[in-house]
N, C-alpha and C. Protein backbone atom coordinates (compact mmCIF):
# COMPACT_ATOMS: atom_id res chain seq x y z
N MET A 1 16.39 -10.71 -4.06
CA MET A 1 15.49 -11.10 -2.99
C MET A 1 15.33 -9.95 -2.00
N ILE A 2 14.10 -9.72 -1.56
CA ILE A 2 13.83 -8.63 -0.64
C ILE A 2 14.21 -9.07 0.77
N PRO A 3 14.96 -8.25 1.50
CA PRO A 3 15.35 -8.63 2.86
C PRO A 3 14.14 -8.67 3.80
N LEU A 4 14.20 -9.56 4.77
CA LEU A 4 13.09 -9.76 5.70
C LEU A 4 12.72 -8.50 6.48
N PRO A 5 13.66 -7.70 7.00
CA PRO A 5 13.24 -6.49 7.73
C PRO A 5 12.43 -5.51 6.87
N GLN A 6 12.74 -5.43 5.59
CA GLN A 6 11.99 -4.55 4.70
C GLN A 6 10.56 -5.06 4.52
N ILE A 7 10.41 -6.36 4.36
CA ILE A 7 9.07 -6.94 4.20
C ILE A 7 8.24 -6.72 5.46
N ILE A 8 8.85 -6.92 6.64
CA ILE A 8 8.13 -6.74 7.89
C ILE A 8 7.72 -5.28 8.05
N SER A 9 8.60 -4.35 7.68
CA SER A 9 8.26 -2.93 7.76
C SER A 9 7.09 -2.60 6.85
N GLU A 10 7.07 -3.17 5.66
CA GLU A 10 5.97 -2.92 4.73
C GLU A 10 4.67 -3.53 5.24
N ILE A 11 4.73 -4.69 5.85
CA ILE A 11 3.53 -5.31 6.41
C ILE A 11 2.98 -4.47 7.55
N ILE A 12 3.86 -3.96 8.41
CA ILE A 12 3.43 -3.12 9.53
C ILE A 12 2.79 -1.83 9.01
N MET A 13 3.39 -1.22 7.99
CA MET A 13 2.78 -0.02 7.39
C MET A 13 1.41 -0.34 6.81
N GLY A 14 1.29 -1.46 6.13
CA GLY A 14 0.01 -1.85 5.54
C GLY A 14 -1.06 -2.10 6.59
N LEU A 15 -0.70 -2.75 7.69
CA LEU A 15 -1.67 -3.00 8.75
C LEU A 15 -2.12 -1.70 9.40
N GLY A 16 -1.18 -0.80 9.64
CA GLY A 16 -1.54 0.50 10.23
C GLY A 16 -2.45 1.30 9.31
N ALA A 17 -2.12 1.31 8.02
CA ALA A 17 -2.94 2.04 7.05
C ALA A 17 -4.33 1.42 6.94
N ALA A 18 -4.40 0.10 6.96
CA ALA A 18 -5.70 -0.57 6.89
C ALA A 18 -6.56 -0.25 8.11
N LEU A 19 -5.94 -0.20 9.28
CA LEU A 19 -6.69 0.13 10.49
C LEU A 19 -7.22 1.55 10.42
N VAL A 20 -6.40 2.48 9.94
CA VAL A 20 -6.83 3.88 9.84
C VAL A 20 -7.95 4.02 8.82
N ILE A 21 -7.76 3.50 7.62
CA ILE A 21 -8.74 3.67 6.55
C ILE A 21 -10.05 2.95 6.88
N GLY A 22 -9.95 1.72 7.38
CA GLY A 22 -11.15 0.98 7.72
C GLY A 22 -11.96 1.63 8.82
N THR A 23 -11.28 2.15 9.82
CA THR A 23 -11.99 2.80 10.92
C THR A 23 -12.62 4.11 10.48
N ILE A 24 -11.92 4.88 9.67
CA ILE A 24 -12.50 6.13 9.18
C ILE A 24 -13.73 5.84 8.31
N LEU A 25 -13.66 4.82 7.48
CA LEU A 25 -14.83 4.46 6.67
C LEU A 25 -15.99 4.00 7.56
N ALA A 26 -15.68 3.28 8.63
CA ALA A 26 -16.74 2.84 9.54
C ALA A 26 -17.37 4.01 10.29
N ILE A 27 -16.57 5.03 10.61
CA ILE A 27 -17.10 6.21 11.31
C ILE A 27 -18.02 7.00 10.38
N THR A 28 -17.61 7.17 9.14
CA THR A 28 -18.35 8.04 8.23
C THR A 28 -19.60 7.39 7.63
N ARG A 29 -19.66 6.06 7.63
CA ARG A 29 -20.82 5.37 7.06
C ARG A 29 -21.99 5.41 8.02
N PRO A 30 -23.12 5.90 7.60
CA PRO A 30 -24.28 5.91 8.50
C PRO A 30 -24.81 4.49 8.71
N ARG A 31 -25.25 4.21 9.94
CA ARG A 31 -25.81 2.90 10.26
C ARG A 31 -27.29 3.06 10.57
N TYR A 32 -28.09 2.12 10.08
CA TYR A 32 -29.53 2.17 10.26
C TYR A 32 -30.00 0.89 10.94
N GLY A 33 -30.95 1.05 11.84
CA GLY A 33 -31.55 -0.08 12.53
C GLY A 33 -32.62 -0.73 11.68
N PRO A 34 -33.24 -1.80 12.21
CA PRO A 34 -34.27 -2.50 11.44
C PRO A 34 -35.51 -1.63 11.16
N ASP A 35 -35.73 -0.62 11.99
CA ASP A 35 -36.90 0.23 11.78
C ASP A 35 -36.60 1.41 10.85
N GLY A 36 -35.39 1.50 10.35
CA GLY A 36 -35.04 2.56 9.41
C GLY A 36 -34.45 3.81 10.05
N ARG A 37 -34.41 3.85 11.36
CA ARG A 37 -33.81 5.01 12.04
C ARG A 37 -32.30 4.87 12.10
N GLN A 38 -31.63 6.01 12.06
CA GLN A 38 -30.17 5.99 12.13
C GLN A 38 -29.72 5.69 13.56
N ILE A 39 -28.75 4.79 13.68
CA ILE A 39 -28.21 4.40 14.98
C ILE A 39 -27.05 5.32 15.33
N VAL A 40 -27.07 5.85 16.54
CA VAL A 40 -25.98 6.69 17.01
C VAL A 40 -24.94 5.77 17.65
N THR A 41 -23.73 5.82 17.15
CA THR A 41 -22.67 4.95 17.66
C THR A 41 -21.65 5.77 18.43
N ALA A 42 -20.99 5.11 19.37
CA ALA A 42 -19.92 5.76 20.13
C ALA A 42 -18.69 5.86 19.25
N LYS A 43 -18.14 7.04 19.16
CA LYS A 43 -16.99 7.26 18.29
C LYS A 43 -15.67 7.25 19.04
N GLY A 44 -15.71 7.14 20.36
CA GLY A 44 -14.49 7.19 21.16
C GLY A 44 -13.53 6.06 20.83
N ARG A 45 -14.05 4.83 20.76
CA ARG A 45 -13.20 3.69 20.46
C ARG A 45 -12.65 3.77 19.04
N ALA A 46 -13.47 4.28 18.13
CA ALA A 46 -13.02 4.41 16.74
C ALA A 46 -11.88 5.42 16.63
N ILE A 47 -11.97 6.50 17.38
CA ILE A 47 -10.90 7.50 17.35
C ILE A 47 -9.61 6.92 17.92
N VAL A 48 -9.74 6.12 18.98
CA VAL A 48 -8.55 5.46 19.55
C VAL A 48 -7.95 4.50 18.53
N ASN A 49 -8.79 3.77 17.78
CA ASN A 49 -8.29 2.87 16.75
C ASN A 49 -7.56 3.63 15.64
N VAL A 50 -8.06 4.79 15.27
CA VAL A 50 -7.38 5.61 14.26
C VAL A 50 -6.01 6.04 14.77
N LEU A 51 -5.95 6.47 16.02
CA LEU A 51 -4.66 6.89 16.59
C LEU A 51 -3.68 5.72 16.68
N ILE A 52 -4.16 4.55 17.06
CA ILE A 52 -3.29 3.37 17.10
C ILE A 52 -2.81 3.03 15.69
N GLY A 53 -3.70 3.10 14.71
CA GLY A 53 -3.32 2.83 13.32
C GLY A 53 -2.27 3.81 12.82
N LEU A 54 -2.43 5.08 13.17
CA LEU A 54 -1.42 6.08 12.78
C LEU A 54 -0.08 5.80 13.43
N LEU A 55 -0.11 5.39 14.70
CA LEU A 55 1.13 5.06 15.40
C LEU A 55 1.83 3.86 14.77
N VAL A 56 1.05 2.82 14.45
CA VAL A 56 1.62 1.63 13.82
C VAL A 56 2.16 1.97 12.43
N PHE A 57 1.43 2.77 11.67
CA PHE A 57 1.90 3.17 10.34
C PHE A 57 3.20 3.98 10.44
N ALA A 58 3.25 4.91 11.42
CA ALA A 58 4.47 5.71 11.59
C ALA A 58 5.65 4.84 11.99
N TRP A 59 5.40 3.84 12.82
CA TRP A 59 6.47 2.92 13.23
C TRP A 59 6.99 2.15 12.01
N GLY A 60 6.08 1.63 11.19
CA GLY A 60 6.50 0.90 10.00
C GLY A 60 7.23 1.79 9.01
N LEU A 61 6.76 3.02 8.86
CA LEU A 61 7.42 3.96 7.94
C LEU A 61 8.81 4.33 8.44
N ALA A 62 8.93 4.56 9.75
CA ALA A 62 10.25 4.89 10.32
C ALA A 62 11.21 3.71 10.16
N SER A 63 10.73 2.50 10.36
CA SER A 63 11.58 1.32 10.18
C SER A 63 11.97 1.17 8.71
N PHE A 64 11.06 1.46 7.82
CA PHE A 64 11.32 1.33 6.39
C PHE A 64 12.35 2.37 5.92
N VAL A 65 12.20 3.60 6.40
CA VAL A 65 13.06 4.70 5.94
C VAL A 65 14.45 4.60 6.54
N THR A 66 14.54 4.24 7.82
CA THR A 66 15.86 4.20 8.48
C THR A 66 16.67 2.98 8.10
N ASP A 67 16.01 1.96 7.53
CA ASP A 67 16.70 0.76 7.07
C ASP A 67 17.29 -0.08 8.20
N HIS A 68 16.76 0.11 9.42
CA HIS A 68 17.24 -0.71 10.55
C HIS A 68 16.34 -1.91 10.78
N GLY A 69 15.23 -1.95 10.13
CA GLY A 69 14.28 -3.03 10.35
C GLY A 69 13.45 -2.79 11.58
N VAL A 70 12.70 -3.79 11.95
CA VAL A 70 11.76 -3.66 13.08
C VAL A 70 12.47 -3.91 14.38
């Protein structure tokens, strides 16, 4: 049976990775309005989300590697 701290660490790593990957895909995908013109989006919040995702992923990885749990 897998110990609970290991599962929680893996879930935290997965959530951080999903936030990073999803946000990067959203930044790189061009968006178009109803008239066919490309919409310019603010990238500041997306960059903050990537940084938060990296922080959460690093926290989960550190918990996973050190074996102390969350």
